[in-house]
């Protein structure tokens, strides 16, 4: 199976722009949609289940045509009753083909995911084809270096960088991420761009990072979809994405594309490289999933026959095969790049 796609949102996971990104990704998953939403970034909040649950409800509504199964994963804190190391809590991640992490605290997410079962399962599922979506705090946390935005902006600590979860380190890349890149809530009196810390303090943070680091800045209500297999990066939303090399930004507007090689030389790891423990890999590979949610070989074969019939403009045969698929409990949805099977 191909490595999964990855999306990053600068903000607005429950906005029109966010919904369009979710739907774009859902269309590319050619199996019943199973979504897992991780609570960890918001795990310190007393209402973390509600924070993440709102995103889940938005996804259910926006993606209702795909009849998604949506699970909230309450992996809130290490060494607690809701630990990211608890196999039962983490279980929905084993079967999800779309995994979301979003609002909360970047540094909290790093502390409570680094080296855990949940994080290892996410990385393994991605290598087996699962789509990953990171928004807001989660976008910061998965970089090589993280901006401790609350510590600087709210607490008043000096500008500093912390080591992130470094997701792309597995692929030979040294990338950090800044959402809310073009934030303007401070108006004319206060620069709140660069995720609320402003341009001057961002320049300080940038100077602290190693020369090989590439920083990706994501404007609000704007996202970036990365396909590691093809090396294609696609900007979606209402504004732009900036690549910052040596603190000098280069902008890519919504609708544009660029090659992942702009961020460094990509190296595809073998499954067990880069510290995915063998027992975790075996757990993910052997997870049977819910068989009722998977189309049978017969249904898949009929869908392929129907695709060929449509290509030959044999509409009568196409309709006959559609009805046969429906009788087996599945609906075939036509798409520009093929079809999708959805449980009826």
Protein backbone atom coordinates (compact mmCIF):
# COMPACT_ATOMS: atom_id res chain seq x y z
CA UNK A 1 0.00 0.00 0.00
CA UNK A 2 1.21 3.52 -0.79
CA UNK A 3 2.32 5.88 1.94
CA UNK A 4 -0.59 8.07 3.08
CA UNK A 5 -1.07 11.71 2.25
CA UNK A 6 -0.60 14.43 4.88
CA UNK A 7 -2.46 17.71 5.28
CA UNK A 8 -1.55 20.73 7.39
CA UNK A 9 -4.00 23.51 8.24
CA UNK A 10 -2.96 26.99 9.29
CA UNK A 11 -6.31 27.34 11.10
CA UNK A 12 -10.00 26.78 10.44
CA UNK A 13 -10.41 23.04 10.79
CA UNK A 14 -14.19 23.58 11.08
CA UNK A 15 -14.36 26.29 8.41
CA UNK A 16 -15.37 26.08 4.76
CA UNK A 17 -11.69 25.89 3.77
CA UNK A 18 -11.03 23.09 6.24
CA UNK A 19 -14.08 21.19 5.06
CA UNK A 20 -12.89 21.36 1.47
CA UNK A 21 -9.54 19.88 2.45
CA UNK A 22 -11.24 17.07 4.40
CA UNK A 23 -13.44 16.27 1.39
CA UNK A 24 -10.52 16.37 -1.04
CA UNK A 25 -8.71 13.81 1.09
CA UNK A 26 -11.80 11.66 1.65
CA UNK A 27 -12.30 11.36 -2.11
CA UNK A 28 -8.83 9.88 -2.41
CA UNK A 29 -9.45 7.07 0.09
CA UNK A 30 -10.85 4.16 -1.90
CA UNK A 31 -12.33 2.26 1.05
CA UNK A 32 -14.93 2.96 3.76
CA UNK A 33 -13.89 6.05 5.67
CA UNK A 34 -12.80 5.49 9.27
CA UNK A 35 -11.65 8.62 11.09
CA UNK A 36 -9.78 8.77 14.41
CA UNK A 37 -9.41 12.12 16.20
CA UNK A 38 -6.66 12.30 18.81
CA UNK A 39 -7.33 14.34 21.95
CA UNK A 40 -3.70 14.60 23.06
CA UNK A 41 -2.91 18.24 22.09
CA UNK A 42 -5.95 19.39 24.12
CA UNK A 43 -5.55 16.73 26.82
CA UNK A 44 -4.74 19.27 29.54
CA UNK A 45 -8.11 20.96 29.10
CA UNK A 46 -11.02 19.78 31.25
CA UNK A 47 -13.27 19.73 28.18
CA UNK A 48 -10.81 18.14 25.75
CA UNK A 49 -13.42 15.63 24.60
CA UNK A 50 -15.72 18.50 23.61
CA UNK A 51 -12.92 20.40 21.87
CA UNK A 52 -12.12 17.43 19.67
CA UNK A 53 -15.74 16.26 19.51
CA UNK A 54 -16.71 19.48 17.71
CA UNK A 55 -14.28 18.62 14.94
CA UNK A 56 -15.74 15.12 14.80
CA UNK A 57 -19.28 16.44 14.45
CA UNK A 58 -18.13 18.81 11.71
CA UNK A 59 -16.51 15.93 9.84
CA UNK A 60 -19.61 13.74 10.16
CA UNK A 61 -21.72 16.50 8.62
CA UNK A 62 -19.25 17.60 5.95
CA UNK A 63 -18.37 14.04 4.92
CA UNK A 64 -21.84 12.53 5.36
CA UNK A 65 -21.87 11.26 1.76
CA UNK A 66 -18.98 8.96 2.73
CA UNK A 67 -20.79 7.62 5.82
CA UNK A 68 -17.67 7.84 7.98
CA UNK A 69 -17.10 5.96 11.21
CA UNK A 70 -15.67 8.59 13.58
CA UNK A 71 -13.83 7.72 16.81
CA UNK A 72 -12.42 10.18 19.36
CA UNK A 73 -9.25 8.75 20.92
CA UNK A 74 -8.93 10.07 24.53
CA UNK A 75 -5.16 9.64 24.75
CA UNK A 76 -4.82 12.67 27.02
CA UNK A 77 -1.76 12.26 29.23
CA UNK A 78 1.11 9.88 29.89
CA UNK A 79 0.92 7.78 33.07
CA UNK A 80 -2.78 8.47 33.55
CA UNK A 81 -6.05 6.62 33.13
CA UNK A 82 -6.12 8.08 29.60
CA UNK A 83 -2.58 7.21 28.56
CA UNK A 84 -1.32 7.27 24.95
CA UNK A 85 0.38 3.98 25.88
CA UNK A 86 -2.88 2.16 26.69
CA UNK A 87 -3.59 -0.34 23.86
CA UNK A 88 -7.35 -0.16 24.40
CA UNK A 89 -7.42 3.63 24.17
CA UNK A 90 -5.19 3.59 21.10
CA UNK A 91 -7.13 0.79 19.38
CA UNK A 92 -9.19 2.97 16.95
CA UNK A 93 -5.92 4.23 15.44
CA UNK A 94 -5.18 0.70 14.24
CA UNK A 95 -8.15 0.74 11.87
CA UNK A 96 -8.39 4.42 10.91
CA UNK A 97 -7.56 5.49 7.36
CA UNK A 98 -7.83 9.18 8.32
CA UNK A 99 -6.22 10.44 11.55
CA UNK A 100 -6.65 13.99 12.85
CA UNK A 101 -4.80 16.00 15.50
CA UNK A 102 -5.65 19.63 16.11
CA UNK A 103 -6.08 22.37 18.71
CA UNK A 104 -4.40 22.55 22.11
CA UNK A 105 -0.82 23.15 23.22
CA UNK A 106 2.13 22.20 20.98
CA UNK A 107 4.53 21.55 23.87
CA UNK A 108 1.93 19.51 25.79
CA UNK A 109 1.33 17.38 22.69
CA UNK A 110 5.08 16.78 22.30
CA UNK A 111 5.57 15.80 25.95
CA UNK A 112 2.65 13.39 25.93
CA UNK A 113 3.15 11.77 22.53
CA UNK A 114 6.91 11.45 22.16
CA UNK A 115 7.91 7.79 22.40
CA UNK A 116 4.37 6.54 23.03
CA UNK A 117 2.38 3.70 21.53
CA UNK A 118 -0.08 6.18 20.02
CA UNK A 119 2.63 8.07 18.13
CA UNK A 120 4.30 4.88 16.90
CA UNK A 121 0.94 3.55 15.66
CA UNK A 122 0.22 6.82 13.82
CA UNK A 123 3.58 6.66 12.06
CA UNK A 124 3.07 2.99 11.17
CA UNK A 125 -0.48 3.55 9.90
CA UNK A 126 0.75 6.39 7.69
CA UNK A 127 3.32 4.08 6.09
CA UNK A 128 0.48 1.66 5.38
CA UNK A 129 -1.63 4.28 3.64
CA UNK A 130 -3.52 6.23 6.31
CA UNK A 131 -4.11 9.93 5.65
CA UNK A 132 -2.89 12.26 8.41
CA UNK A 133 -4.31 15.73 9.12
CA UNK A 134 -2.63 18.20 11.47
CA UNK A 135 -4.14 21.56 12.41
CA UNK A 136 -3.26 24.41 14.74
CA UNK A 137 -1.18 23.22 17.74
CA UNK A 138 -0.65 19.78 16.23
CA UNK A 139 0.87 21.37 13.12
CA UNK A 140 3.54 22.98 15.30
CA UNK A 141 4.15 19.87 17.39
CA UNK A 142 5.07 17.50 14.56
CA UNK A 143 7.91 19.69 13.25
CA UNK A 144 11.61 19.14 13.88
CA UNK A 145 11.49 22.21 16.14
CA UNK A 146 8.44 23.66 17.81
CA UNK A 147 7.48 27.22 18.63
CA UNK A 148 6.37 27.30 22.30
CA UNK A 149 3.77 29.89 21.46
CA UNK A 150 1.87 29.99 24.76
CA UNK A 151 5.04 30.09 26.83
CA UNK A 152 6.27 33.10 24.84
CA UNK A 153 3.03 34.90 24.00
CA UNK A 154 1.09 34.30 27.21
CA UNK A 155 3.61 33.45 29.94
CA UNK A 156 6.37 35.84 28.89
CA UNK A 157 9.26 33.42 28.56
CA UNK A 158 12.19 34.41 26.38
CA UNK A 159 12.05 33.32 22.76
CA UNK A 160 13.26 29.75 22.50
CA UNK A 161 12.75 26.58 20.47
CA UNK A 162 11.98 23.07 21.67
CA UNK A 163 12.48 19.78 19.91
CA UNK A 164 9.30 18.62 18.18
CA UNK A 165 7.97 15.18 17.30
CA UNK A 166 9.98 15.50 14.07
CA UNK A 167 7.62 13.47 11.90
CA UNK A 168 9.49 14.24 8.68
CA UNK A 169 12.82 13.22 10.19
CA UNK A 170 11.82 9.67 9.22
CA UNK A 171 11.91 10.83 5.60
CA UNK A 172 15.25 12.62 5.75
CA UNK A 173 13.70 16.09 5.98
CA UNK A 174 14.26 18.83 8.57
CA UNK A 175 10.99 20.79 8.59
CA UNK A 176 9.24 22.95 11.18
CA UNK A 177 5.74 24.42 10.91
CA UNK A 178 4.09 27.71 11.92
CA UNK A 179 0.27 28.03 11.59
CA UNK A 180 -1.62 31.33 11.90
CA UNK A 181 1.16 32.78 9.77
CA UNK A 182 -0.80 35.86 8.68
CA UNK A 183 -2.83 36.41 11.85
CA UNK A 184 -3.93 40.04 12.23
CA UNK A 185 -5.99 39.96 15.43
CA UNK A 186 -3.70 42.58 16.98
CA UNK A 187 -4.75 45.17 14.42
CA UNK A 188 -2.53 48.17 13.73
CA UNK A 189 -1.17 48.29 17.30
CA UNK A 190 0.16 44.77 17.79
CA UNK A 191 1.83 42.37 15.36
CA UNK A 192 0.21 38.98 15.94
CA UNK A 193 1.43 37.35 12.75
CA UNK A 194 3.67 34.28 12.88
CA UNK A 195 1.29 32.47 15.25
CA UNK A 196 0.76 35.50 17.51
CA UNK A 197 4.41 36.20 18.41
CA UNK A 198 5.02 38.75 15.64
CA UNK A 199 7.72 39.10 13.01
CA UNK A 200 10.51 40.30 15.30
CA UNK A 201 10.23 37.45 17.77
CA UNK A 202 9.76 34.98 14.92
CA UNK A 203 13.08 36.20 13.47
CA UNK A 204 14.69 35.51 16.87
CA UNK A 205 13.20 32.00 16.90
CA UNK A 206 14.29 31.39 13.33
CA UNK A 207 17.88 32.38 14.16
CA UNK A 208 17.96 29.70 16.89
CA UNK A 209 17.33 26.86 14.43
CA UNK A 210 20.04 24.92 12.56
CA UNK A 211 20.87 26.02 9.03
CA UNK A 212 19.33 22.91 7.46
CA UNK A 213 15.90 23.66 8.90
CA UNK A 214 13.09 24.62 6.53
CA UNK A 215 10.08 26.33 8.10
CA UNK A 216 6.65 26.14 6.50
CA UNK A 217 4.30 29.02 7.37
CA UNK A 218 0.59 28.39 6.85
CA UNK A 219 -1.82 31.30 6.51
CA UNK A 220 -5.16 31.08 8.28
CA UNK A 221 -7.90 29.11 6.50
CA UNK A 222 -5.20 27.70 4.24
CA UNK A 223 -3.75 24.23 4.06
CA UNK A 224 -1.01 22.20 2.44
CA UNK A 225 -1.56 18.64 1.18
CA UNK A 226 1.65 16.62 0.85
CA UNK A 227 1.94 13.41 -1.16
CA UNK A 228 5.28 11.83 -0.27
CA UNK A 229 4.89 9.10 -2.91
CA UNK A 230 4.61 11.54 -5.81
CA UNK A 231 6.58 14.37 -4.21
CA UNK A 232 3.70 16.76 -4.90
CA UNK A 233 2.65 19.56 -2.50
CA UNK A 234 -0.69 21.29 -3.11
CA UNK A 235 -1.81 24.58 -1.51
CA UNK A 236 -5.53 24.78 -0.73
CA UNK A 237 -7.68 27.43 0.93
CA UNK A 238 -7.99 31.20 0.77
CA UNK A 239 -4.43 32.52 1.12
CA UNK A 240 -0.89 31.16 0.85
CA UNK A 241 1.86 28.95 2.25
CA UNK A 242 5.38 30.26 2.81
CA UNK A 243 8.63 28.31 2.78
CA UNK A 244 11.22 30.02 4.96
CA UNK A 245 14.83 29.26 4.11
CA UNK A 246 17.39 31.10 6.21
CA UNK A 247 14.50 33.25 7.47
CA UNK A 248 13.66 34.42 3.92
CA UNK A 249 10.05 33.46 2.98
CA UNK A 250 8.95 32.31 -0.48
CA UNK A 251 5.18 32.35 -0.98
CA UNK A 252 2.96 29.83 -2.78
CA UNK A 253 -0.66 31.01 -3.25
CA UNK A 254 -3.76 28.84 -2.96
CA UNK A 255 -4.17 26.65 -6.00
CA UNK A 256 -0.45 26.38 -6.64
CA UNK A 257 1.73 23.30 -6.40
CA UNK A 258 5.39 22.70 -5.71
CA UNK A 259 7.66 19.70 -5.37
CA UNK A 260 8.49 18.27 -1.97
CA UNK A 261 12.16 18.45 -3.00
CA UNK A 262 11.84 22.20 -2.30
CA UNK A 263 12.01 21.16 1.36
CA UNK A 264 14.93 18.77 1.00
CA UNK A 265 15.90 15.38 -0.37
CA UNK A 266 13.22 12.82 0.48
CA UNK A 267 14.25 9.35 1.65
CA UNK A 268 11.55 6.69 1.92
CA UNK A 269 12.27 4.53 5.00
CA UNK A 270 11.64 0.83 5.16
CA UNK A 271 8.78 0.04 7.57
CA UNK A 272 10.97 -0.75 10.58
CA UNK A 273 13.45 2.06 10.12
CA UNK A 274 13.40 5.20 12.23
CA UNK A 275 12.45 3.63 15.55
CA UNK A 276 9.05 2.06 14.94
CA UNK A 277 9.33 -0.87 17.38
CA UNK A 278 8.84 -4.26 15.70
CA UNK A 279 6.03 -5.23 18.08
CA UNK A 280 4.13 -2.05 17.17
CA UNK A 281 4.58 -2.70 13.45
CA UNK A 282 3.31 -6.26 13.91
CA UNK A 283 0.33 -4.97 15.89
CA UNK A 284 -0.64 -2.53 13.13
CA UNK A 285 -0.10 -4.98 10.27
CA UNK A 286 -2.03 -7.78 11.95
CA UNK A 287 -4.99 -5.61 13.00
CA UNK A 288 -7.95 -7.25 11.31
CA UNK A 289 -10.24 -4.23 11.41
CA UNK A 290 -13.97 -4.48 11.05
CA UNK A 291 -14.55 -6.88 8.16
CA UNK A 292 -18.09 -5.62 7.66
CA UNK A 293 -16.62 -2.24 6.72
CA UNK A 294 -14.52 -3.68 3.91
CA UNK A 295 -15.94 -4.55 0.47
CA UNK A 296 -15.54 -8.19 -0.52
CA UNK A 297 -13.40 -9.30 -3.45
CA UNK A 298 -16.63 -9.86 -5.37
CA UNK A 299 -17.80 -6.28 -4.82
CA UNK A 300 -14.40 -4.87 -5.80
CA UNK A 301 -14.36 -6.99 -8.97
CA UNK A 302 -17.85 -5.79 -9.93
CA UNK A 303 -16.83 -2.16 -9.33
CA UNK A 304 -13.83 -2.61 -11.63
CA UNK A 305 -16.05 -4.18 -14.31
CA UNK A 306 -18.44 -1.25 -14.01
CA UNK A 307 -15.57 1.23 -14.36
CA UNK A 308 -14.53 -0.50 -17.59
CA UNK A 309 -18.13 -0.47 -18.84
CA UNK A 310 -18.38 3.27 -18.20
CA UNK A 311 -15.09 3.83 -20.01
CA UNK A 312 -16.61 2.04 -23.02
CA UNK A 313 -19.86 4.04 -22.63
CA UNK A 314 -21.81 0.84 -22.09
CA UNK A 315 -24.36 2.51 -19.84
CA UNK A 316 -26.79 -0.42 -19.68
CA UNK A 317 -24.05 -2.74 -18.40
CA UNK A 318 -22.86 -0.04 -16.02
CA UNK A 319 -26.37 0.26 -14.53
CA UNK A 320 -26.70 -3.51 -14.24
CA UNK A 321 -23.42 -3.78 -12.35
CA UNK A 322 -24.36 -0.84 -10.13
CA UNK A 323 -27.56 -2.61 -9.13
CA UNK A 324 -25.69 -5.84 -8.46
CA UNK A 325 -23.23 -3.98 -6.22
CA UNK A 326 -26.16 -2.35 -4.43
CA UNK A 327 -27.76 -5.77 -3.81
CA UNK A 328 -24.55 -6.77 -2.03
CA UNK A 329 -24.90 -3.83 0.36
CA UNK A 330 -22.62 -1.27 -1.26
CA UNK A 331 -23.02 1.99 -3.15
CA UNK A 332 -20.51 2.86 -5.85
CA UNK A 333 -19.77 6.57 -6.12
CA UNK A 334 -18.21 7.84 -9.34
CA UNK A 335 -15.22 10.17 -9.13
CA UNK A 336 -12.98 11.87 -11.67
CA UNK A 337 -10.13 9.49 -10.84
CA UNK A 338 -12.16 6.28 -10.46
CA UNK A 339 -14.77 5.27 -7.91
CA UNK A 340 -15.41 4.85 -4.19
CA UNK A 341 -17.35 2.07 -2.48
CA UNK A 342 -19.52 3.10 0.46
CA UNK A 343 -21.53 0.79 2.71
CA UNK A 344 -25.25 1.21 1.91
